[in-house]
């Protein structure tokens, strides 16, 4: 190990202050950042589960194909503080990342015995641009949160190996907490072997293996639950057309490419699509990956423990995301490097500093590592621009990977929201051209064509989407289209499929109720309006339509109650004023004030009724 030096440059509190300060500065743009449509709505904006504290619900639910009850708790705390104000969520992510940088310093200082090495490993961890995906993306809260407990578990394990009594219980506690934030923490018991190597612990001792059994058992349970979560979100086997050879080759390519991205962070992207086919560069990468792994065995035999432990640590944390079990739509993601990068940075910094120390040129290593850190800071500060708006976010992916069907469709969705239908259609068509089975792109195309008043072409696009995947949004939109053209039977078939997939979809119950009302099935219509209100009790339209249905069935007291509630929620609703006036008339009350209000809001029916009833 490198000997620890003395002096101000090696002051612990100075290092901690530097780490916290540079993280806050590097991510300062996010104080004005917002949400993006990539998972943020599902986790925060539209997630009613975080609007109250319900541990039972979080521990028994999956969210966007993940099991992460403690992450949902953190969102609930943020919601209690600031509702859906994005700055609150960004600040939480940044603070956890700053805390993790400090924990990395603590951990590496214990491993290396050198504060300078600890400082630069922590700086590269904190400032590398690949980390922006974990910190700047609100939906990736799980990464900074699981990293926090993961690092605490590693630190406690070092204490345990060093002879501190009772330390291993905390290793397990922090490990479990980490796994409850993100299933990726199942790598922990494997990563602990890297710590054993770094601490020069004999691996042939039974205790080294037996003590980890509880963590392996817990990790196996979490892994099973995680696979069920991925399956529930239809994320598993997204590329089932790949052969076993393809899977192995692409895994080797990703293993090497992640290291390349750390050392040469160019062409970074939030999505790295699968290559269309296996090429020579992928096979070569597999050979290199095997060589890197074998070098760990050589390093262990040669007592190069920092190198060996680094490869073991990196491999333990990256192996579970190399798509051996295929999930999601991308081959790689920067966020998977959040903890794994330590397996690369520790050997890099350690050997650079050790080499310089041999020649009493520590200043040379410090200068070089400082340049790396400043460069990383600048790249991270600049890269955070893409997280400030959806437009910049998806434009950056399209610029890097123009053949990404996911990115082209998502950018088309941004233009759709902005009302720029021509550009929206251009990008969505590009997505379909790249991948004709992109059902979300066909859905977006249907919506765009509807906005352009091309109902027939819209229906054709929606049919294409549903033919590939019975996507609830496409089914709902087609049901809405059928409802509007007076085809309630077809609409009911679609909306029932939506409800089967999304049993708490209030709008689906509303459409179903409207179709039933069109058929004259008023009592069933009322029942479905009631379900819509149960799941979304702040929509005045639901109350108004149920009130009208009550009026049609002569349930005047209930009708007046609902219509009054609709007016309370939206006093600019002319139809609600008109119908309440007419119900009042039926119950021998004066309708004139309500009809007058409706007339002032533009209701022609109210004007006619006033002429007849309010003479």
Foldseek 3Di string as FASTA:
>chain_A
DDAADDDPVLDLVVLLVVLLVLLCVLQVVLLLFAAAPPQCCQLAVVPPVLCDDDLVVLQPDFTLLFRASVQSPVNSVLCVVPNRPRSSLLVVLSVLLSLLLSLQLLLLCLLPVYNLLSSLLSLLLSQAQLCCVCRLHSSNVLLSQLSSLLSVLSNLLSVVVVPDPPSNVSNQVSLLNSCNSGLLSLLSLLLVVLVCLSVVHDPPDPCNVVSCVVSNVSSVVSVVVSVVSLVLNVFWCPPVVDDLVRLLLLLLQQLVVLVVCSVPVPLAAQAAADPPDDDPSSNVSNVVSVVLLVVLVVCSVVSVSLSNSLSSLLCSSQVVLCCNGPGHGGRDGSSSCSRSCSSVSSVVLVVLQVVCVVVPNNVVSSVVSVVVSVVSSVSSSVVSVCRRDNLSRLVSNCVSPVLALVSLQSNLVVCVVVVNLVSSLVSLVSSCVSPVLPLSSLQSNLVSCVVVVNNVSSLVSLVSSVVNPLDLSSLQVVLVSCLVVVNLVSSLVSLVVNCVSVVLQLVSLQSNLSSCVSVVVLVSSLVSLVSSCVSPVLALVSLQVNLVSCVVVVVLVSSLVSLVSSCVSPVLDLSSLQVNLVSCVVVVHHSLVSLVSSVVSPDPVSVVVCVVRVD
